[in-house]
Amino acid sequence: MGLRILVDTNVLLDYLLCRSPYDRAAEQIVVACKQRRVSGCIAAHSI
């Protein structure tokens, strides 16, 4: 798990709110993080 990515707030919102047409791409990013293929980070101010 060497790859670290910064997950934008809109990507998380697309995933959580199922916002088309980006919800499928956002789901792929979240799944990759859950499976620990990548290390996903979010900015502190996004929380």
N, C-alpha and C. Protein backbone atom coordinates (compact mmCIF):
# COMPACT_ATOMS: atom_id res chain seq x y z
N MET A 1 0.84 -1.18 0.00
CA MET A 1 0.00 0.00 0.00
C MET A 1 0.89 1.24 0.00
N GLY A 2 1.61 1.43 -1.05
CA GLY A 2 2.50 2.57 -1.13
C GLY A 2 1.86 3.82 -1.69
N LEU A 3 0.76 3.67 -2.40
CA LEU A 3 0.13 4.82 -3.04
C LEU A 3 -0.81 5.53 -2.08
N ARG A 4 -0.57 6.82 -1.86
CA ARG A 4 -1.44 7.63 -1.01
C ARG A 4 -2.16 8.64 -1.90
N ILE A 5 -3.47 8.75 -1.70
CA ILE A 5 -4.25 9.69 -2.51
C ILE A 5 -5.02 10.63 -1.59
N LEU A 6 -5.23 11.84 -2.05
CA LEU A 6 -6.06 12.80 -1.35
C LEU A 6 -7.45 12.73 -1.98
N VAL A 7 -8.42 12.30 -1.19
CA VAL A 7 -9.78 12.15 -1.68
C VAL A 7 -10.52 13.47 -1.45
N ASP A 8 -10.96 14.06 -2.53
CA ASP A 8 -11.66 15.34 -2.47
C ASP A 8 -13.02 15.17 -1.78
N THR A 9 -13.48 16.22 -1.14
CA THR A 9 -14.78 16.20 -0.45
C THR A 9 -15.91 15.84 -1.41
N ASN A 10 -15.86 16.34 -2.62
CA ASN A 10 -16.92 16.05 -3.60
C ASN A 10 -16.96 14.57 -3.97
N VAL A 11 -15.82 13.90 -3.96
CA VAL A 11 -15.80 12.47 -4.23
C VAL A 11 -16.56 11.73 -3.13
N LEU A 12 -16.33 12.11 -1.90
CA LEU A 12 -17.05 11.48 -0.79
C LEU A 12 -18.54 11.76 -0.86
N LEU A 13 -18.89 12.99 -1.20
CA LEU A 13 -20.31 13.33 -1.32
C LEU A 13 -20.97 12.59 -2.49
N ASP A 14 -20.24 12.46 -3.59
CA ASP A 14 -20.78 11.69 -4.72
C ASP A 14 -21.07 10.26 -4.30
N TYR A 15 -20.18 9.68 -3.53
CA TYR A 15 -20.36 8.30 -3.07
C TYR A 15 -21.51 8.20 -2.07
N LEU A 16 -21.51 9.05 -1.07
CA LEU A 16 -22.52 8.97 -0.02
C LEU A 16 -23.92 9.33 -0.49
N LEU A 17 -24.02 10.29 -1.40
CA LEU A 17 -25.33 10.76 -1.86
C LEU A 17 -25.75 10.15 -3.20
N CYS A 18 -24.91 9.25 -3.73
CA CYS A 18 -25.19 8.58 -5.02
C CYS A 18 -25.49 9.59 -6.12
N ARG A 19 -24.61 10.59 -6.23
CA ARG A 19 -24.82 11.65 -7.22
C ARG A 19 -24.29 11.21 -8.59
N SER A 20 -25.21 11.05 -9.52
CA SER A 20 -24.83 10.68 -10.89
C SER A 20 -24.24 11.88 -11.59
N PRO A 21 -23.36 11.70 -12.50
CA PRO A 21 -22.84 10.45 -13.06
C PRO A 21 -21.55 9.99 -12.39
N TYR A 22 -21.17 10.61 -11.29
CA TYR A 22 -19.86 10.33 -10.69
C TYR A 22 -19.90 9.31 -9.57
N ASP A 23 -21.07 8.80 -9.21
CA ASP A 23 -21.17 7.90 -8.07
C ASP A 23 -20.41 6.59 -8.28
N ARG A 24 -20.38 6.08 -9.51
CA ARG A 24 -19.68 4.81 -9.76
C ARG A 24 -18.17 4.98 -9.63
N ALA A 25 -17.63 6.06 -10.14
CA ALA A 25 -16.20 6.32 -10.01
C ALA A 25 -15.82 6.55 -8.55
N ALA A 26 -16.67 7.27 -7.83
CA ALA A 26 -16.41 7.51 -6.41
C ALA A 26 -16.44 6.20 -5.64
N GLU A 27 -17.35 5.32 -6.00
CA GLU A 27 -17.44 4.02 -5.33
C GLU A 27 -16.16 3.21 -5.56
N GLN A 28 -15.60 3.27 -6.74
CA GLN A 28 -14.35 2.56 -7.02
C GLN A 28 -13.21 3.07 -6.15
N ILE A 29 -13.18 4.37 -5.92
CA ILE A 29 -12.15 4.96 -5.07
C ILE A 29 -12.33 4.51 -3.62
N VAL A 30 -13.56 4.54 -3.13
CA VAL A 30 -13.84 4.14 -1.76
C VAL A 30 -13.53 2.66 -1.56
N VAL A 31 -13.90 1.84 -2.51
CA VAL A 31 -13.63 0.40 -2.42
C VAL A 31 -12.12 0.14 -2.41
N ALA A 32 -11.37 0.85 -3.23
CA ALA A 32 -9.91 0.69 -3.26
C ALA A 32 -9.31 1.04 -1.90
N CYS A 33 -9.86 2.06 -1.25
CA CYS A 33 -9.39 2.43 0.09
C CYS A 33 -9.77 1.38 1.12
N LYS A 34 -10.99 0.87 1.03
CA LYS A 34 -11.45 -0.14 1.98
C LYS A 34 -10.66 -1.43 1.84
N GLN A 35 -10.27 -1.76 0.63
CA GLN A 35 -9.49 -2.97 0.39
C GLN A 35 -8.00 -2.75 0.61
N ARG A 36 -7.65 -1.54 0.99
CA ARG A 36 -6.27 -1.15 1.28
C ARG A 36 -5.33 -1.30 0.09
N ARG A 37 -5.90 -1.13 -1.11
CA ARG A 37 -5.05 -1.08 -2.31
C ARG A 37 -4.37 0.28 -2.40
N VAL A 38 -5.02 1.31 -1.88
CA VAL A 38 -4.46 2.65 -1.77
C VAL A 38 -4.77 3.18 -0.38
N SER A 39 -4.01 4.17 0.03
CA SER A 39 -4.24 4.81 1.31
C SER A 39 -4.92 6.15 1.04
N GLY A 40 -6.20 6.23 1.36
CA GLY A 40 -6.95 7.45 1.10
C GLY A 40 -6.88 8.41 2.26
N CYS A 41 -6.63 9.66 1.96
CA CYS A 41 -6.57 10.72 2.97
C CYS A 41 -7.57 11.81 2.61
N ILE A 42 -8.09 12.48 3.62
CA ILE A 42 -8.93 13.64 3.37
C ILE A 42 -8.37 14.82 4.15
N ALA A 43 -8.60 16.01 3.64
CA ALA A 43 -8.10 17.22 4.30
C ALA A 43 -8.85 17.45 5.62
N ALA A 44 -8.16 17.93 6.60
CA ALA A 44 -8.76 18.17 7.92
C ALA A 44 -9.93 19.15 7.83
N HIS A 45 -9.83 20.13 6.97
CA HIS A 45 -10.91 21.12 6.88
C HIS A 45 -12.16 20.56 6.19
N SER A 46 -12.05 19.38 5.60
CA SER A 46 -13.21 18.75 4.97
C SER A 46 -14.14 18.11 6.00
N ILE A 47 -13.61 17.79 7.12
CA ILE A 47 -14.40 17.14 8.16
C ILE A 47 -15.26 18.17 8.84
